Amino acid sequence: MLSENVEIIFKAILAQNSLNTREAVPHSDEFTRKMESTHGFPPGFTDKCVRLLKDAHKIFIIEIVQEDDDREVEKIEAYIDADMSTVRRLKNIYQKLLQDIYEEENHQRLMAHQIIRELFPKMNLYNNTPMGHIANKAIMLEEYELLLEKDFSQYTESWKEERIAELFEESGEDLEALLGVEKKQEPEPEIVVKKPVNKRAVDSGKGSELSSMASLQSIDKVLRIYGIDFFYRVNLRKYNFDLIRMVIEQKKITSRDDLTLLRKMIQKIRDNADRDPGLTEHLEKLQNLERIISRYMLLRR
């Protein structure tokens, strides 16, 4: 439920970004009202979700209007898909709009970078004005284009999906509490051992959902959505060693690099075994998993 609602918000941002008009970038005030009225999201939920999307590098957030208590002006932000093609297209749109509005007000047509150089030192004078809105977007879109070029590895789809899965694990329960969602209790798969008495953080939230999905639904889909690393971490922490072994034996994981990563993670578990009393009950299953890893790595030499 939670991931579906975050996806609704993200897709709504993408849909508006796809426009080739002045309204191509959603503003936080209007966007929040739309999400609340259309989907019934409670106050604060949309804002927390867009922060999560930002932290996962799926969107950028631009401050369009600065808060001004003296004039009773509230802060307004804008949301943009953190994708190079989207950023470049929107940059061109808003630089053209900046040229148009500048020419309309000053009866002189300048290049976008000339206008920005002129306005930048006195942007506070244009706070909450049409010129200020467009100038902020034109300036920041160019900055984000440079950022995507510089740090491209942190804006790949695989990086984003792994990060958002981690964020769901960390903050999913808080968001669900805000949304008022009662989580469904999934039946445990037969191969999963009973949870230890010392309950750990990963036993709740998205981690629990993923480990159940992995055995009850399509493992291929789970691995594609959440990624190998997250799949390993959740199921190793929950002692689901038989589940991981099953995935390897079914050849859902075949890469030598992925098997090497798993072996390193298991070694870390063994290094910290003295701080994990629940591991003692599952050592035999862990050893079986290690034997399978070794066998399949030999086959991939």
C-alpha atoms as a PDB file:
ATOM      1  CA  MET A   1       0.000   0.000   0.000  1.00  0.00           C
ATOM      2  CA  LEU A   2       2.716   2.470   0.988  1.00  0.00           C
ATOM      3  CA  SER A   3       4.876   1.881  -2.089  1.00  0.00           C
ATOM      4  CA  GLU A   4       1.798   2.162  -4.298  1.00  0.00           C
ATOM      5  CA  ASN A   5       0.970   5.611  -2.877  1.00  0.00           C
ATOM      6  CA  VAL A   6       4.534   6.851  -3.285  1.00  0.00           C
ATOM      7  CA  GLU A   7       4.378   5.583  -6.872  1.00  0.00           C
ATOM      8  CA  ILE A   8       1.131   7.542  -7.395  1.00  0.00           C
ATOM      9  CA  ILE A   9       2.862  10.727  -6.269  1.00  0.00           C
ATOM     10  CA  PHE A  10       5.935  10.068  -8.409  1.00  0.00           C
ATOM     11  CA  LYS A  11       3.870   9.311 -11.518  1.00  0.00           C
ATOM     12  CA  ALA A  12       1.840  12.486 -10.979  1.00  0.00           C
ATOM     13  CA  ILE A  13       5.092  14.471 -10.991  1.00  0.00           C
ATOM     14  CA  LEU A  14       6.237  12.684 -14.156  1.00  0.00           C
ATOM     15  CA  ALA A  15       2.914  13.367 -15.875  1.00  0.00           C
ATOM     16  CA  GLN A  16       3.115  17.093 -15.219  1.00  0.00           C
ATOM     17  CA  ASN A  17       6.803  17.198 -16.160  1.00  0.00           C
ATOM     18  CA  SER A  18       5.888  15.715 -19.541  1.00  0.00           C
ATOM     19  CA  LEU A  19       3.999  18.880 -20.501  1.00  0.00           C
ATOM     20  CA  ASN A  20       5.648  21.409 -22.794  1.00  0.00           C
ATOM     21  CA  THR A  21       4.025  24.394 -21.146  1.00  0.00           C
ATOM     22  CA  ARG A  22       4.661  26.842 -18.337  1.00  0.00           C
ATOM     23  CA  GLU A  23       2.838  24.443 -15.977  1.00  0.00           C
ATOM     24  CA  ALA A  24       5.272  21.574 -16.633  1.00  0.00           C
ATOM     25  CA  VAL A  25       6.739  21.794 -13.130  1.00  0.00           C
ATOM     26  CA  PRO A  26       4.278  21.162 -10.261  1.00  0.00           C
ATOM     27  CA  HIS A  27       4.289  23.608  -7.335  1.00  0.00           C
ATOM     28  CA  SER A  28       4.092  22.133  -3.854  1.00  0.00           C
ATOM     29  CA  ASP A  29       1.003  24.067  -2.720  1.00  0.00           C
ATOM     30  CA  GLU A  30      -1.176  23.143  -5.689  1.00  0.00           C
ATOM     31  CA  PHE A  31       0.278  19.646  -6.011  1.00  0.00           C
ATOM     32  CA  THR A  32      -0.377  18.799  -2.356  1.00  0.00           C
ATOM     33  CA  ARG A  33      -3.983  19.981  -2.562  1.00  0.00           C
ATOM     34  CA  LYS A  34      -4.479  17.878  -5.682  1.00  0.00           C
ATOM     35  CA  MET A  35      -3.047  14.739  -4.056  1.00  0.00           C
ATOM     36  CA  GLU A  36      -5.174  15.234  -0.943  1.00  0.00           C
ATOM     37  CA  SER A  37      -8.406  15.867  -2.826  1.00  0.00           C
ATOM     38  CA  THR A  38      -7.899  13.205  -5.504  1.00  0.00           C
ATOM     39  CA  HIS A  39      -6.411  10.395  -3.429  1.00  0.00           C
ATOM     40  CA  GLY A  40      -7.457  11.312   0.101  1.00  0.00           C
ATOM     41  CA  PHE A  41      -3.910  11.602   1.434  1.00  0.00           C
ATOM     42  CA  PRO A  42      -3.763  13.128   4.940  1.00  0.00           C
ATOM     43  CA  PRO A  43      -1.954  16.446   5.631  1.00  0.00           C
ATOM     44  CA  GLY A  44       1.808  16.006   5.628  1.00  0.00           C
ATOM     45  CA  PHE A  45       1.808  12.672   3.783  1.00  0.00           C
ATOM     46  CA  THR A  46       2.534  14.069   0.308  1.00  0.00           C
ATOM     47  CA  ASP A  47       5.372  16.233   1.623  1.00  0.00           C
ATOM     48  CA  LYS A  48       7.008  13.287   3.412  1.00  0.00           C
ATOM     49  CA  CYS A  49       6.724  11.169   0.268  1.00  0.00           C
ATOM     50  CA  VAL A  50       8.339  13.789  -1.965  1.00  0.00           C
ATOM     51  CA  ARG A  51      11.187  14.062   0.574  1.00  0.00           C
ATOM     52  CA  LEU A  52      11.629  10.311   0.318  1.00  0.00           C
ATOM     53  CA  LEU A  53      11.661  10.551  -3.491  1.00  0.00           C
ATOM     54  CA  LYS A  54      14.237  13.333  -3.265  1.00  0.00           C
ATOM     55  CA  ASP A  55      16.474  11.324  -0.902  1.00  0.00           C
ATOM     56  CA  ALA A  56      16.233   8.399  -3.332  1.00  0.00           C
ATOM     57  CA  HIS A  57      17.409  10.714  -6.159  1.00  0.00           C
ATOM     58  CA  LYS A  58      14.188  10.123  -8.069  1.00  0.00           C
ATOM     59  CA  ILE A  59      13.244  13.819  -8.063  1.00  0.00           C
ATOM     60  CA  PHE A  60      14.803  17.223  -7.534  1.00  0.00           C
ATOM     61  CA  ILE A  61      13.159  19.886  -5.388  1.00  0.00           C
ATOM     62  CA  ILE A  62      13.525  23.567  -6.288  1.00  0.00           C
ATOM     63  CA  GLU A  63      12.613  26.421  -3.946  1.00  0.00           C
ATOM     64  CA  ILE A  64      10.428  28.673  -6.078  1.00  0.00           C
ATOM     65  CA  VAL A  65       9.234  31.127  -3.424  1.00  0.00           C
ATOM     66  CA  GLN A  66      11.093  31.936  -0.231  1.00  0.00           C
ATOM     67  CA  GLU A  67       9.102  32.138   2.976  1.00  0.00           C
ATOM     68  CA  ASP A  68       8.470  35.754   4.034  1.00  0.00           C
ATOM     69  CA  ASP A  69       6.629  36.125   7.348  1.00  0.00           C
ATOM     70  CA  ASP A  70       6.460  39.917   7.066  1.00  0.00           C
ATOM     71  CA  ARG A  71       4.443  39.648   3.849  1.00  0.00           C
ATOM     72  CA  GLU A  72       2.664  36.433   4.879  1.00  0.00           C
ATOM     73  CA  VAL A  73       4.268  34.569   1.990  1.00  0.00           C
ATOM     74  CA  GLU A  74       4.662  30.813   2.418  1.00  0.00           C
ATOM     75  CA  LYS A  75       7.474  28.778   0.885  1.00  0.00           C
ATOM     76  CA  ILE A  76       6.656  27.090  -2.411  1.00  0.00           C
ATOM     77  CA  GLU A  77       8.733  24.309  -3.935  1.00  0.00           C
ATOM     78  CA  ALA A  78       8.694  22.618  -7.317  1.00  0.00           C
ATOM     79  CA  TYR A  79       9.242  18.942  -8.192  1.00  0.00           C
ATOM     80  CA  ILE A  80      11.231  17.640 -11.152  1.00  0.00           C
ATOM     81  CA  ASP A  81      12.043  14.125 -12.353  1.00  0.00           C
ATOM     82  CA  ALA A  82      15.767  13.517 -11.789  1.00  0.00           C
ATOM     83  CA  ASP A  83      16.304  12.302 -15.337  1.00  0.00           C
ATOM     84  CA  MET A  84      18.694  13.941 -17.799  1.00  0.00           C
ATOM     85  CA  SER A  85      16.273  14.075 -20.717  1.00  0.00           C
ATOM     86  CA  THR A  86      13.549  15.595 -18.532  1.00  0.00           C
ATOM     87  CA  VAL A  87      15.888  18.152 -16.972  1.00  0.00           C
ATOM     88  CA  ARG A  88      17.323  19.258 -20.309  1.00  0.00           C
ATOM     89  CA  ARG A  89      13.919  19.594 -21.924  1.00  0.00           C
ATOM     90  CA  LEU A  90      12.510  21.591 -19.034  1.00  0.00           C
ATOM     91  CA  LYS A  91      15.625  23.760 -18.879  1.00  0.00           C
ATOM     92  CA  ASN A  92      15.106  24.743 -22.515  1.00  0.00           C
ATOM     93  CA  ILE A  93      11.412  25.473 -21.876  1.00  0.00           C
ATOM     94  CA  TYR A  94      12.029  27.719 -18.896  1.00  0.00           C
ATOM     95  CA  GLN A  95      15.007  29.518 -20.383  1.00  0.00           C
ATOM     96  CA  LYS A  96      12.820  30.382 -23.366  1.00  0.00           C
ATOM     97  CA  LEU A  97      10.022  31.508 -21.024  1.00  0.00           C
ATOM     98  CA  LEU A  98      12.543  33.637 -19.110  1.00  0.00           C
ATOM     99  CA  GLN A  99      13.585  35.347 -22.337  1.00  0.00           C
ATOM    100  CA  ASP A 100       9.944  35.954 -23.252  1.00  0.00           C
ATOM    101  CA  ILE A 101       8.869  37.437 -19.923  1.00  0.00           C
ATOM    102  CA  TYR A 102      12.009  39.568 -19.690  1.00  0.00           C
ATOM    103  CA  GLU A 103      11.374  40.947 -23.167  1.00  0.00           C
ATOM    104  CA  GLU A 104       7.730  41.635 -22.280  1.00  0.00           C
ATOM    105  CA  GLU A 105       8.695  43.594 -19.159  1.00  0.00           C
ATOM    106  CA  ASN A 106      11.869  45.318 -20.401  1.00  0.00           C
ATOM    107  CA  HIS A 107      11.262  45.553 -24.174  1.00  0.00           C
ATOM    108  CA  GLN A 108      14.629  43.989 -24.837  1.00  0.00           C
ATOM    109  CA  ARG A 109      15.448  40.403 -25.782  1.00  0.00           C
ATOM    110  CA  LEU A 110      18.552  38.928 -24.195  1.00  0.00           C
ATOM    111  CA  MET A 111      20.044  35.454 -24.017  1.00  0.00           C
ATOM    112  CA  ALA A 112      18.971  33.425 -20.979  1.00  0.00           C
ATOM    113  CA  HIS A 113      22.442  33.469 -19.401  1.00  0.00           C
ATOM    114  CA  GLN A 114      22.572  37.268 -19.744  1.00  0.00           C
ATOM    115  CA  ILE A 115      19.237  37.625 -17.960  1.00  0.00           C
ATOM    116  CA  ILE A 116      20.298  35.245 -15.210  1.00  0.00           C
ATOM    117  CA  ARG A 117      23.538  37.153 -14.681  1.00  0.00           C
ATOM    118  CA  GLU A 118      21.548  40.372 -14.342  1.00  0.00           C
ATOM    119  CA  LEU A 119      18.855  38.979 -12.027  1.00  0.00           C
ATOM    120  CA  PHE A 120      20.893  36.677  -9.811  1.00  0.00           C
ATOM    121  CA  PRO A 121      22.352  39.335  -7.435  1.00  0.00           C
ATOM    122  CA  LYS A 122      18.850  40.697  -6.696  1.00  0.00           C
ATOM    123  CA  MET A 123      16.680  37.585  -6.799  1.00  0.00           C
ATOM    124  CA  ASN A 124      15.085  38.549  -3.471  1.00  0.00           C
ATOM    125  CA  LEU A 125      13.378  41.442  -5.265  1.00  0.00           C
ATOM    126  CA  TYR A 126      11.613  38.951  -7.529  1.00  0.00           C
ATOM    127  CA  ASN A 127      10.417  36.628  -4.756  1.00  0.00           C
ATOM    128  CA  ASN A 128       6.875  35.366  -5.467  1.00  0.00           C
ATOM    129  CA  THR A 129       6.657  37.067  -8.860  1.00  0.00           C
ATOM    130  CA  PRO A 130       6.212  35.421 -12.289  1.00  0.00           C
ATOM    131  CA  MET A 131       9.746  36.501 -13.207  1.00  0.00           C
ATOM    132  CA  GLY A 132      11.105  35.026  -9.981  1.00  0.00           C
ATOM    133  CA  HIS A 133       9.274  31.719 -10.480  1.00  0.00           C
ATOM    134  CA  ILE A 134      10.643  31.230 -13.975  1.00  0.00           C
ATOM    135  CA  ALA A 135      14.139  32.501 -13.183  1.00  0.00           C
ATOM    136  CA  ASN A 136      14.488  30.087 -10.243  1.00  0.00           C
ATOM    137  CA  LYS A 137      13.490  27.166 -12.460  1.00  0.00           C
ATOM    138  CA  ALA A 138      15.793  28.200 -15.312  1.00  0.00           C
ATOM    139  CA  ILE A 139      18.750  28.642 -12.940  1.00  0.00           C
ATOM    140  CA  MET A 140      18.281  25.429 -10.975  1.00  0.00           C
ATOM    141  CA  LEU A 141      17.489  23.238 -13.977  1.00  0.00           C
ATOM    142  CA  GLU A 142      20.842  24.196 -15.460  1.00  0.00           C
ATOM    143  CA  GLU A 143      22.521  23.396 -12.134  1.00  0.00           C
ATOM    144  CA  TYR A 144      20.816  20.012 -11.983  1.00  0.00           C
ATOM    145  CA  GLU A 145      21.876  19.242 -15.544  1.00  0.00           C
ATOM    146  CA  LEU A 146      25.499  19.775 -14.470  1.00  0.00           C
ATOM    147  CA  LEU A 147      24.933  17.643 -11.362  1.00  0.00           C
ATOM    148  CA  LEU A 148      23.557  14.752 -13.426  1.00  0.00           C
ATOM    149  CA  GLU A 149      26.596  14.923 -15.687  1.00  0.00           C
ATOM    150  CA  LYS A 150      29.001  15.005 -12.746  1.00  0.00           C
ATOM    151  CA  ASP A 151      27.395  12.409 -10.454  1.00  0.00           C
ATOM    152  CA  PHE A 152      25.641  10.249 -13.051  1.00  0.00           C
ATOM    153  CA  SER A 153      26.358   7.017 -11.151  1.00  0.00           C
ATOM    154  CA  GLN A 154      24.072   8.151  -8.302  1.00  0.00           C
ATOM    155  CA  TYR A 155      21.183   8.767 -10.680  1.00  0.00           C
ATOM    156  CA  THR A 156      20.976   5.419 -12.437  1.00  0.00           C
ATOM    157  CA  GLU A 157      17.711   3.498 -12.102  1.00  0.00           C
ATOM    158  CA  SER A 158      19.410   0.693 -10.175  1.00  0.00           C
ATOM    159  CA  TRP A 159      20.916   3.168  -7.665  1.00  0.00           C
ATOM    160  CA  LYS A 160      17.529   4.871  -7.188  1.00  0.00           C
ATOM    161  CA  GLU A 161      15.615   1.618  -6.692  1.00  0.00           C
ATOM    162  CA  GLU A 162      18.122   0.282  -4.172  1.00  0.00           C
ATOM    163  CA  ARG A 163      18.077   3.551  -2.245  1.00  0.00           C
ATOM    164  CA  ILE A 164      14.296   3.874  -2.166  1.00  0.00           C
ATOM    165  CA  ALA A 165      14.029   0.295  -0.906  1.00  0.00           C
ATOM    166  CA  GLU A 166      16.385   1.210   1.941  1.00  0.00           C
ATOM    167  CA  LEU A 167      14.336   4.303   2.722  1.00  0.00           C
ATOM    168  CA  PHE A 168      11.126   2.260   2.816  1.00  0.00           C
ATOM    169  CA  GLU A 169      12.793  -0.053   5.316  1.00  0.00           C
ATOM    170  CA  GLU A 170      13.961   2.885   7.461  1.00  0.00           C
ATOM    171  CA  SER A 171      10.863   5.095   7.438  1.00  0.00           C
ATOM    172  CA  GLY A 172       8.057   2.951   6.051  1.00  0.00           C
ATOM    173  CA  GLU A 173       6.337   2.423   9.398  1.00  0.00           C
ATOM    174  CA  ASP A 174       6.240   6.166  10.156  1.00  0.00           C
ATOM    175  CA  LEU A 175       4.688   6.901   6.773  1.00  0.00           C
ATOM    176  CA  GLU A 176       2.182   4.090   7.138  1.00  0.00           C
ATOM    177  CA  ALA A 177       1.199   5.397  10.572  1.00  0.00           C
ATOM    178  CA  LEU A 178       0.634   8.823   9.036  1.00  0.00           C
ATOM    179  CA  LEU A 179      -1.410   7.299   6.242  1.00  0.00           C
ATOM    180  CA  GLY A 180      -3.380   5.203   8.722  1.00  0.00           C
ATOM    181  CA  VAL A 181      -2.727   1.958   6.858  1.00  0.00           C
ATOM    182  CA  GLU A 182      -3.137  -1.293   8.759  1.00  0.00           C
ATOM    183  CA  LYS A 183      -0.502  -3.633   7.456  1.00  0.00           C
ATOM    184  CA  LYS A 184      -1.707  -7.057   6.364  1.00  0.00           C
ATOM    185  CA  GLN A 185      -0.064  -9.961   8.052  1.00  0.00           C
ATOM    186  CA  GLU A 186       1.395 -12.179   5.342  1.00  0.00           C
ATOM    187  CA  PRO A 187       1.585 -15.925   6.114  1.00  0.00           C
ATOM    188  CA  GLU A 188       5.118 -17.121   6.532  1.00  0.00           C
ATOM    189  CA  PRO A 189       6.401 -19.469   3.786  1.00  0.00           C
ATOM    190  CA  GLU A 190       7.058 -23.013   4.920  1.00  0.00           C
ATOM    191  CA  ILE A 191      10.781 -22.795   4.347  1.00  0.00           C
ATOM    192  CA  VAL A 192      11.177 -19.756   6.559  1.00  0.00           C
ATOM    193  CA  VAL A 193      12.141 -20.496  10.136  1.00  0.00           C
ATOM    194  CA  LYS A 194      10.172 -19.076  13.052  1.00  0.00           C
ATOM    195  CA  LYS A 195      11.258 -15.569  14.060  1.00  0.00           C
ATOM    196  CA  PRO A 196      13.669 -15.424  17.013  1.00  0.00           C
ATOM    197  CA  VAL A 197      12.564 -13.929  20.311  1.00  0.00           C
ATOM    198  CA  ASN A 198      14.991 -11.012  19.978  1.00  0.00           C
ATOM    199  CA  LYS A 199      12.961  -9.133  17.348  1.00  0.00           C
ATOM    200  CA  ARG A 200      15.041  -6.873  15.128  1.00  0.00           C
ATOM    201  CA  ALA A 201      14.194  -3.748  13.195  1.00  0.00           C
ATOM    202  CA  VAL A 202      14.159  -5.508   9.866  1.00  0.00           C
ATOM    203  CA  ASP A 203      11.366  -7.834  11.049  1.00  0.00           C
ATOM    204  CA  SER A 204       8.891  -5.021  10.388  1.00  0.00           C
ATOM    205  CA  GLY A 205       8.104  -2.699   7.529  1.00  0.00           C
ATOM    206  CA  LYS A 206       9.230  -3.295   3.981  1.00  0.00           C
ATOM    207  CA  GLY A 207      11.730  -5.986   4.935  1.00  0.00           C
ATOM    208  CA  SER A 208       8.957  -8.296   6.118  1.00  0.00           C
ATOM    209  CA  GLU A 209       6.927  -7.649   2.992  1.00  0.00           C
ATOM    210  CA  LEU A 210       9.874  -8.407   0.718  1.00  0.00           C
ATOM    211  CA  SER A 211      10.819 -11.704   2.331  1.00  0.00           C
ATOM    212  CA  SER A 212       7.226 -12.944   2.098  1.00  0.00           C
ATOM    213  CA  MET A 213       6.879 -11.788  -1.483  1.00  0.00           C
ATOM    214  CA  ALA A 214      10.099 -13.502  -2.426  1.00  0.00           C
ATOM    215  CA  SER A 215       8.707 -16.920  -1.649  1.00  0.00           C
ATOM    216  CA  LEU A 216       5.021 -16.463  -2.333  1.00  0.00           C
ATOM    217  CA  GLN A 217       5.146 -14.475  -5.533  1.00  0.00           C
ATOM    218  CA  SER A 218       7.546 -13.972  -8.390  1.00  0.00           C
ATOM    219  CA  ILE A 219      11.134 -14.005  -7.184  1.00  0.00           C
ATOM    220  CA  ASP A 220      12.207 -12.482 -10.477  1.00  0.00           C
ATOM    221  CA  LYS A 221       9.917  -9.512  -9.848  1.00  0.00           C
ATOM    222  CA  VAL A 222      11.168  -9.056  -6.287  1.00  0.00           C
ATOM    223  CA  LEU A 223      14.794  -9.070  -7.363  1.00  0.00           C
ATOM    224  CA  ARG A 224      14.048  -6.616 -10.153  1.00  0.00           C
ATOM    225  CA  ILE A 225      12.179  -4.194  -7.907  1.00  0.00           C
ATOM    226  CA  TYR A 226      14.297  -4.331  -4.763  1.00  0.00           C
ATOM    227  CA  GLY A 227      17.691  -5.437  -6.069  1.00  0.00           C
ATOM    228  CA  ILE A 228      20.098  -8.197  -5.084  1.00  0.00           C
ATOM    229  CA  ASP A 229      21.822  -6.313  -2.261  1.00  0.00           C
ATOM    230  CA  PHE A 230      18.615  -5.408  -0.443  1.00  0.00           C
ATOM    231  CA  PHE A 231      17.202  -8.917  -0.964  1.00  0.00           C
ATOM    232  CA  TYR A 232      20.324 -10.388   0.642  1.00  0.00           C
ATOM    233  CA  ARG A 233      20.398  -8.000   3.598  1.00  0.00           C
ATOM    234  CA  VAL A 234      16.757  -8.450   4.543  1.00  0.00           C
ATOM    235  CA  ASN A 235      16.767 -12.231   4.339  1.00  0.00           C
ATOM    236  CA  LEU A 236      20.152 -12.691   6.012  1.00  0.00           C
ATOM    237  CA  ARG A 237      19.015 -10.573   8.947  1.00  0.00           C
ATOM    238  CA  LYS A 238      15.813 -12.625   9.199  1.00  0.00           C
ATOM    239  CA  TYR A 239      17.813 -15.902   9.052  1.00  0.00           C
ATOM    240  CA  ASN A 240      16.004 -16.878   5.819  1.00  0.00           C
ATOM    241  CA  PHE A 241      19.004 -18.928   4.704  1.00  0.00           C
ATOM    242  CA  ASP A 242      16.877 -21.657   3.101  1.00  0.00           C
ATOM    243  CA  LEU A 243      15.061 -19.040   1.043  1.00  0.00           C
ATOM    244  CA  ILE A 244      18.310 -17.633  -0.340  1.00  0.00           C
ATOM    245  CA  ARG A 245      19.588 -21.162  -1.039  1.00  0.00           C
ATOM    246  CA  MET A 246      16.376 -21.935  -2.926  1.00  0.00           C
ATOM    247  CA  VAL A 247      16.773 -18.801  -5.054  1.00  0.00           C
ATOM    248  CA  ILE A 248      20.329 -19.799  -5.991  1.00  0.00           C
ATOM    249  CA  GLU A 249      19.354 -23.407  -6.758  1.00  0.00           C
ATOM    250  CA  GLN A 250      16.518 -22.185  -8.979  1.00  0.00           C
ATOM    251  CA  LYS A 251      19.141 -20.096 -10.810  1.00  0.00           C
ATOM    252  CA  LYS A 252      17.398 -16.833 -10.083  1.00  0.00           C
ATOM    253  CA  ILE A 253      20.821 -15.540  -9.042  1.00  0.00           C
ATOM    254  CA  THR A 254      23.620 -16.690 -11.325  1.00  0.00           C
ATOM    255  CA  SER A 255      26.263 -13.949 -11.430  1.00  0.00           C
ATOM    256  CA  ARG A 256      29.598 -14.782  -9.816  1.00  0.00           C
ATOM    257  CA  ASP A 257      29.780 -11.186  -8.564  1.00  0.00           C
ATOM    258  CA  ASP A 258      26.398 -11.570  -6.850  1.00  0.00           C
ATOM    259  CA  LEU A 259      27.516 -14.816  -5.226  1.00  0.00           C
ATOM    260  CA  THR A 260      30.781 -13.193  -4.106  1.00  0.00           C
ATOM    261  CA  LEU A 261      28.806 -10.352  -2.546  1.00  0.00           C
ATOM    262  CA  LEU A 262      26.661 -12.873  -0.667  1.00  0.00           C
ATOM    263  CA  ARG A 263      29.735 -14.711   0.595  1.00  0.00           C
ATOM    264  CA  LYS A 264      31.185 -11.434   1.936  1.00  0.00           C
ATOM    265  CA  MET A 265      27.926 -10.587   3.683  1.00  0.00           C
ATOM    266  CA  ILE A 266      27.832 -14.022   5.311  1.00  0.00           C
ATOM    267  CA  GLN A 267      31.406 -13.568   6.503  1.00  0.00           C
ATOM    268  CA  LYS A 268      30.367 -10.319   8.153  1.00  0.00           C
ATOM    269  CA  ILE A 269      27.542 -12.178   9.902  1.00  0.00           C
ATOM    270  CA  ARG A 270      30.012 -14.749  11.211  1.00  0.00           C
ATOM    271  CA  ASP A 271      32.388 -11.995  12.366  1.00  0.00           C
ATOM    272  CA  ASN A 272      29.558 -10.532  14.451  1.00  0.00           C
ATOM    273  CA  ALA A 273      28.118 -13.860  15.633  1.00  0.00           C
ATOM    274  CA  ASP A 274      28.976 -13.103  19.276  1.00  0.00           C
ATOM    275  CA  ARG A 275      26.521 -10.181  19.190  1.00  0.00           C
ATOM    276  CA  ASP A 276      23.755 -12.203  17.528  1.00  0.00           C
ATOM    277  CA  PRO A 277      22.505 -14.945  19.872  1.00  0.00           C
ATOM    278  CA  GLY A 278      19.638 -15.830  17.536  1.00  0.00           C
ATOM    279  CA  LEU A 279      22.094 -17.038  14.890  1.00  0.00           C
ATOM    280  CA  THR A 280      23.017 -20.138  16.897  1.00  0.00           C
ATOM    281  CA  GLU A 281      19.707 -21.834  16.066  1.00  0.00           C
ATOM    282  CA  HIS A 282      20.304 -21.453  12.323  1.00  0.00           C
ATOM    283  CA  LEU A 283      23.980 -22.347  11.884  1.00  0.00           C
ATOM    284  CA  GLU A 284      23.229 -25.598  10.047  1.00  0.00           C
ATOM    285  CA  LYS A 285      21.078 -23.784   7.470  1.00  0.00           C
ATOM    286  CA  LEU A 286      23.799 -21.146   7.109  1.00  0.00           C
ATOM    287  CA  GLN A 287      26.394 -23.833   6.466  1.00  0.00           C
ATOM    288  CA  ASN A 288      24.137 -25.415   3.815  1.00  0.00           C
ATOM    289  CA  LEU A 289      23.838 -22.041   2.133  1.00  0.00           C
ATOM    290  CA  GLU A 290      27.619 -21.576   2.159  1.00  0.00           C
ATOM    291  CA  ARG A 291      28.109 -24.996   0.551  1.00  0.00           C
ATOM    292  CA  ILE A 292      25.658 -24.096  -2.234  1.00  0.00           C
ATOM    293  CA  ILE A 293      27.446 -20.797  -2.817  1.00  0.00           C
ATOM    294  CA  SER A 294      30.807 -22.558  -3.090  1.00  0.00           C
ATOM    295  CA  ARG A 295      29.411 -25.176  -5.476  1.00  0.00           C
ATOM    296  CA  TYR A 296      27.850 -22.628  -7.810  1.00  0.00           C
ATOM    297  CA  MET A 297      30.912 -20.389  -7.756  1.00  0.00           C
ATOM    298  CA  LEU A 298      33.027 -23.360  -8.855  1.00  0.00           C
ATOM    299  CA  LEU A 299      30.661 -23.909 -11.781  1.00  0.00           C
ATOM    300  CA  ARG A 300      31.183 -20.289 -12.850  1.00  0.00           C
ATOM    301  CA  ARG A 301      34.954 -20.292 -12.998  1.00  0.00           C
END
